[in-house]
């Protein structure tokens, strides 16, 4: 295991992924350099990550429910709503 601690570490990892994965090789130039996001470690960080994921799942479910209720679950209905 290797820790990503610097921008150079991140760039090296991205270069490796691009060398072994054609999808990454195509995507990276389009999205540009990835930001280095550092967070504190330990239990508090893990707890925060778990809680954030659960909130995101709940938010996604609520958004999907609203889209379904509005009949906006396919390309045509969404396109019509955007122009109407």
N, C-alpha and C. Protein backbone atom coordinates (compact mmCIF):
# COMPACT_ATOMS: atom_id res chain seq x y z
N UNK A 1 0.85 -1.18 0.00
CA UNK A 1 0.00 0.00 0.00
C UNK A 1 0.89 1.24 0.00
N UNK A 2 0.46 2.22 -0.74
CA UNK A 2 1.20 3.48 -0.81
C UNK A 2 0.24 4.62 -0.54
N UNK A 3 0.64 5.54 0.30
CA UNK A 3 -0.19 6.69 0.61
C UNK A 3 0.00 7.77 -0.44
N UNK A 4 -1.06 8.43 -0.79
CA UNK A 4 -1.00 9.59 -1.67
C UNK A 4 -0.96 10.81 -0.77
N UNK A 5 0.21 11.44 -0.73
CA UNK A 5 0.39 12.56 0.18
C UNK A 5 0.65 13.89 -0.51
N UNK A 6 1.08 13.86 -1.76
CA UNK A 6 1.42 15.09 -2.46
C UNK A 6 0.77 15.12 -3.85
N UNK A 7 0.80 16.28 -4.47
CA UNK A 7 0.30 16.41 -5.84
C UNK A 7 1.08 15.48 -6.77
N UNK A 8 2.39 15.34 -6.53
CA UNK A 8 3.22 14.47 -7.36
C UNK A 8 2.79 13.01 -7.22
N UNK A 9 2.45 12.59 -6.00
CA UNK A 9 1.95 11.22 -5.79
C UNK A 9 0.66 11.00 -6.58
N UNK A 10 -0.21 11.98 -6.53
CA UNK A 10 -1.48 11.89 -7.23
C UNK A 10 -1.26 11.81 -8.74
N UNK A 11 -0.38 12.66 -9.26
CA UNK A 11 -0.08 12.65 -10.69
C UNK A 11 0.53 11.32 -11.11
N UNK A 12 1.40 10.76 -10.28
CA UNK A 12 2.01 9.46 -10.58
C UNK A 12 0.94 8.37 -10.63
N UNK A 13 0.03 8.39 -9.69
CA UNK A 13 -1.05 7.41 -9.67
C UNK A 13 -1.95 7.53 -10.90
N UNK A 14 -2.26 8.76 -11.28
CA UNK A 14 -3.09 8.98 -12.47
C UNK A 14 -2.38 8.48 -13.71
N UNK A 15 -1.07 8.74 -13.80
CA UNK A 15 -0.30 8.28 -14.96
C UNK A 15 -0.31 6.75 -15.02
N UNK A 16 -0.19 6.12 -13.86
CA UNK A 16 -0.22 4.65 -13.84
C UNK A 16 -1.58 4.14 -14.31
N UNK A 17 -2.65 4.72 -13.76
CA UNK A 17 -3.99 4.29 -14.18
C UNK A 17 -4.19 4.47 -15.68
N UNK A 18 -3.72 5.59 -16.21
CA UNK A 18 -3.86 5.84 -17.64
C UNK A 18 -3.07 4.83 -18.46
N UNK A 19 -1.95 4.34 -17.91
CA UNK A 19 -1.13 3.37 -18.65
C UNK A 19 -1.74 1.98 -18.68
N UNK A 20 -2.62 1.68 -17.72
CA UNK A 20 -3.20 0.33 -17.65
C UNK A 20 -4.70 0.29 -17.99
N UNK A 21 -5.31 1.46 -18.12
CA UNK A 21 -6.75 1.50 -18.37
C UNK A 21 -7.06 2.51 -19.47
N UNK A 22 -7.52 2.02 -20.62
CA UNK A 22 -7.83 2.93 -21.72
C UNK A 22 -8.90 3.98 -21.39
N UNK A 23 -9.83 3.62 -20.53
CA UNK A 23 -10.88 4.59 -20.16
C UNK A 23 -10.25 5.77 -19.41
N UNK A 24 -9.38 5.48 -18.45
CA UNK A 24 -8.68 6.54 -17.72
C UNK A 24 -7.80 7.35 -18.67
N UNK A 25 -7.12 6.66 -19.58
CA UNK A 25 -6.23 7.34 -20.52
C UNK A 25 -7.01 8.36 -21.35
N UNK A 26 -8.24 8.03 -21.71
CA UNK A 26 -9.06 8.95 -22.49
C UNK A 26 -9.68 10.04 -21.62
N UNK A 27 -10.06 9.70 -20.40
CA UNK A 27 -10.78 10.64 -19.54
C UNK A 27 -9.87 11.70 -18.91
N UNK A 28 -8.69 11.32 -18.48
CA UNK A 28 -7.84 12.26 -17.74
C UNK A 28 -7.54 13.56 -18.48
N UNK A 29 -7.19 13.53 -19.76
CA UNK A 29 -6.94 14.81 -20.43
C UNK A 29 -8.19 15.69 -20.51
N UNK A 30 -9.34 15.08 -20.53
CA UNK A 30 -10.59 15.84 -20.60
C UNK A 30 -10.93 16.52 -19.28
N UNK A 31 -10.66 15.83 -18.17
CA UNK A 31 -11.07 16.38 -16.87
C UNK A 31 -9.99 17.20 -16.20
N UNK A 32 -8.75 17.08 -16.69
CA UNK A 32 -7.66 17.86 -16.12
C UNK A 32 -7.13 17.24 -14.85
N UNK A 33 -6.20 17.93 -14.21
CA UNK A 33 -5.59 17.37 -13.00
C UNK A 33 -6.61 17.18 -11.88
N UNK A 34 -6.48 16.07 -11.19
CA UNK A 34 -7.38 15.80 -10.07
C UNK A 34 -6.89 16.55 -8.84
N UNK A 35 -7.81 17.06 -8.03
CA UNK A 35 -7.39 17.77 -6.82
C UNK A 35 -6.95 16.79 -5.74
N UNK A 36 -5.97 17.17 -4.99
CA UNK A 36 -5.53 16.38 -3.85
C UNK A 36 -6.41 16.79 -2.66
N UNK A 37 -7.17 15.85 -2.18
CA UNK A 37 -8.07 16.12 -1.06
C UNK A 37 -7.60 15.33 0.14
N UNK A 38 -7.15 16.02 1.13
CA UNK A 38 -6.65 15.36 2.34
C UNK A 38 -7.66 15.56 3.46
N UNK A 39 -7.90 14.51 4.19
CA UNK A 39 -8.79 14.57 5.35
C UNK A 39 -8.07 13.97 6.54
N UNK A 40 -8.53 14.34 7.69
CA UNK A 40 -7.99 13.75 8.91
C UNK A 40 -8.29 12.26 8.90
N UNK A 41 -7.45 11.48 9.58
CA UNK A 41 -7.72 10.05 9.65
C UNK A 41 -8.30 9.70 11.01
N UNK A 42 -8.53 8.45 11.21
CA UNK A 42 -9.07 7.99 12.49
C UNK A 42 -10.56 7.75 12.42
N UNK A 43 -11.11 7.37 13.56
CA UNK A 43 -12.52 7.00 13.65
C UNK A 43 -13.45 8.12 13.23
N UNK A 44 -13.14 9.35 13.64
CA UNK A 44 -14.02 10.48 13.31
C UNK A 44 -14.14 10.64 11.79
N UNK A 45 -13.05 10.45 11.07
CA UNK A 45 -13.07 10.57 9.61
C UNK A 45 -13.90 9.45 8.99
N UNK A 46 -13.75 8.24 9.51
CA UNK A 46 -14.53 7.11 9.00
C UNK A 46 -16.01 7.33 9.27
N UNK A 47 -16.34 7.76 10.48
CA UNK A 47 -17.73 8.02 10.83
C UNK A 47 -18.32 9.09 9.93
N UNK A 48 -17.57 10.15 9.67
CA UNK A 48 -18.04 11.22 8.80
C UNK A 48 -18.29 10.69 7.39
N UNK A 49 -17.40 9.85 6.87
CA UNK A 49 -17.56 9.28 5.52
C UNK A 49 -18.81 8.42 5.45
N UNK A 50 -19.04 7.61 6.46
CA UNK A 50 -20.21 6.73 6.47
C UNK A 50 -21.50 7.54 6.54
N UNK A 51 -21.53 8.52 7.42
CA UNK A 51 -22.73 9.34 7.56
C UNK A 51 -22.99 10.12 6.27
N UNK A 52 -21.95 10.66 5.66
CA UNK A 52 -22.10 11.41 4.42
C UNK A 52 -22.66 10.53 3.31
N UNK A 53 -22.19 9.29 3.23
CA UNK A 53 -22.70 8.39 2.21
C UNK A 53 -24.17 8.08 2.44
N UNK A 54 -24.54 7.91 3.67
CA UNK A 54 -25.94 7.60 3.96
C UNK A 54 -26.84 8.78 3.62
N UNK A 55 -26.37 9.97 3.91
CA UNK A 55 -27.17 11.15 3.57
C UNK A 55 -27.28 11.24 2.06
N UNK A 56 -26.20 10.95 1.35
CA UNK A 56 -26.22 11.02 -0.11
C UNK A 56 -27.19 10.00 -0.68
N UNK A 57 -27.21 8.80 -0.12
CA UNK A 57 -28.15 7.78 -0.59
C UNK A 57 -29.58 8.23 -0.34
N UNK A 58 -29.82 8.77 0.82
CA UNK A 58 -31.17 9.25 1.14
C UNK A 58 -31.56 10.40 0.21
N UNK A 59 -30.64 11.30 -0.05
CA UNK A 59 -30.93 12.41 -0.94
C UNK A 59 -31.20 11.90 -2.35
N UNK A 60 -30.39 10.95 -2.81
CA UNK A 60 -30.59 10.38 -4.14
C UNK A 60 -31.96 9.71 -4.24
N UNK A 61 -32.35 8.98 -3.21
CA UNK A 61 -33.65 8.32 -3.22
C UNK A 61 -34.78 9.34 -3.26
N UNK A 62 -34.64 10.42 -2.51
CA UNK A 62 -35.67 11.46 -2.50
C UNK A 62 -35.77 12.14 -3.87
N UNK A 63 -34.63 12.41 -4.48
CA UNK A 63 -34.63 13.04 -5.80
C UNK A 63 -35.26 12.11 -6.82
N UNK A 64 -34.89 10.83 -6.79
CA UNK A 64 -35.46 9.86 -7.72
C UNK A 64 -36.96 9.75 -7.54
N UNK A 65 -37.43 9.75 -6.31
CA UNK A 65 -38.87 9.67 -6.04
C UNK A 65 -39.59 10.88 -6.63
N UNK A 66 -39.00 12.05 -6.49
CA UNK A 66 -39.60 13.26 -7.05
C UNK A 66 -39.64 13.20 -8.57
N UNK A 67 -38.56 12.72 -9.17
CA UNK A 67 -38.54 12.59 -10.63
C UNK A 67 -39.60 11.61 -11.11
N UNK A 68 -39.74 10.48 -10.41
CA UNK A 68 -40.75 9.50 -10.78
C UNK A 68 -42.15 10.07 -10.62
N UNK A 69 -42.39 10.79 -9.54
CA UNK A 69 -43.71 11.40 -9.31
C UNK A 69 -44.05 12.42 -10.39
N UNK A 70 -43.03 13.09 -10.89
CA UNK A 70 -43.24 14.10 -11.93
C UNK A 70 -43.23 13.50 -13.33
N UNK A 71 -43.01 12.18 -13.43
CA UNK A 71 -42.97 11.53 -14.73
C UNK A 71 -41.72 11.86 -15.53
N UNK A 72 -40.64 12.18 -14.83
CA UNK A 72 -39.39 12.58 -15.48
C UNK A 72 -38.33 11.48 -15.34
N UNK A 73 -38.63 10.33 -15.94
CA UNK A 73 -37.69 9.22 -15.79
C UNK A 73 -37.12 8.72 -17.11
N UNK A 74 -37.39 9.43 -18.20
CA UNK A 74 -36.79 9.04 -19.47
C UNK A 74 -36.32 10.29 -20.20
N UNK A 75 -35.53 10.09 -21.23
CA UNK A 75 -34.90 11.20 -21.95
C UNK A 75 -35.92 12.18 -22.52
N UNK A 76 -36.96 11.65 -23.12
CA UNK A 76 -37.95 12.51 -23.78
C UNK A 76 -38.69 13.40 -22.78
N UNK A 77 -39.09 12.84 -21.66
CA UNK A 77 -39.83 13.64 -20.69
C UNK A 77 -38.95 14.72 -20.07
N UNK A 78 -37.69 14.39 -19.84
CA UNK A 78 -36.78 15.40 -19.28
C UNK A 78 -36.50 16.49 -20.31
N UNK A 79 -36.27 16.10 -21.56
CA UNK A 79 -36.03 17.09 -22.62
C UNK A 79 -37.24 17.99 -22.80
N UNK A 80 -38.45 17.40 -22.77
CA UNK A 80 -39.67 18.19 -22.93
C UNK A 80 -39.84 19.15 -21.76
N UNK A 81 -39.51 18.73 -20.57
CA UNK A 81 -39.63 19.59 -19.40
C UNK A 81 -38.64 20.75 -19.47
N UNK A 82 -37.46 20.47 -20.02
CA UNK A 82 -36.44 21.51 -20.12
C UNK A 82 -36.82 22.59 -21.13
N UNK A 83 -37.58 22.22 -22.15
CA UNK A 83 -37.96 23.19 -23.17
C UNK A 83 -39.33 23.77 -22.94
N UNK A 84 -40.10 23.11 -22.10
CA UNK A 84 -41.48 23.55 -21.89
C UNK A 84 -41.57 24.50 -20.79
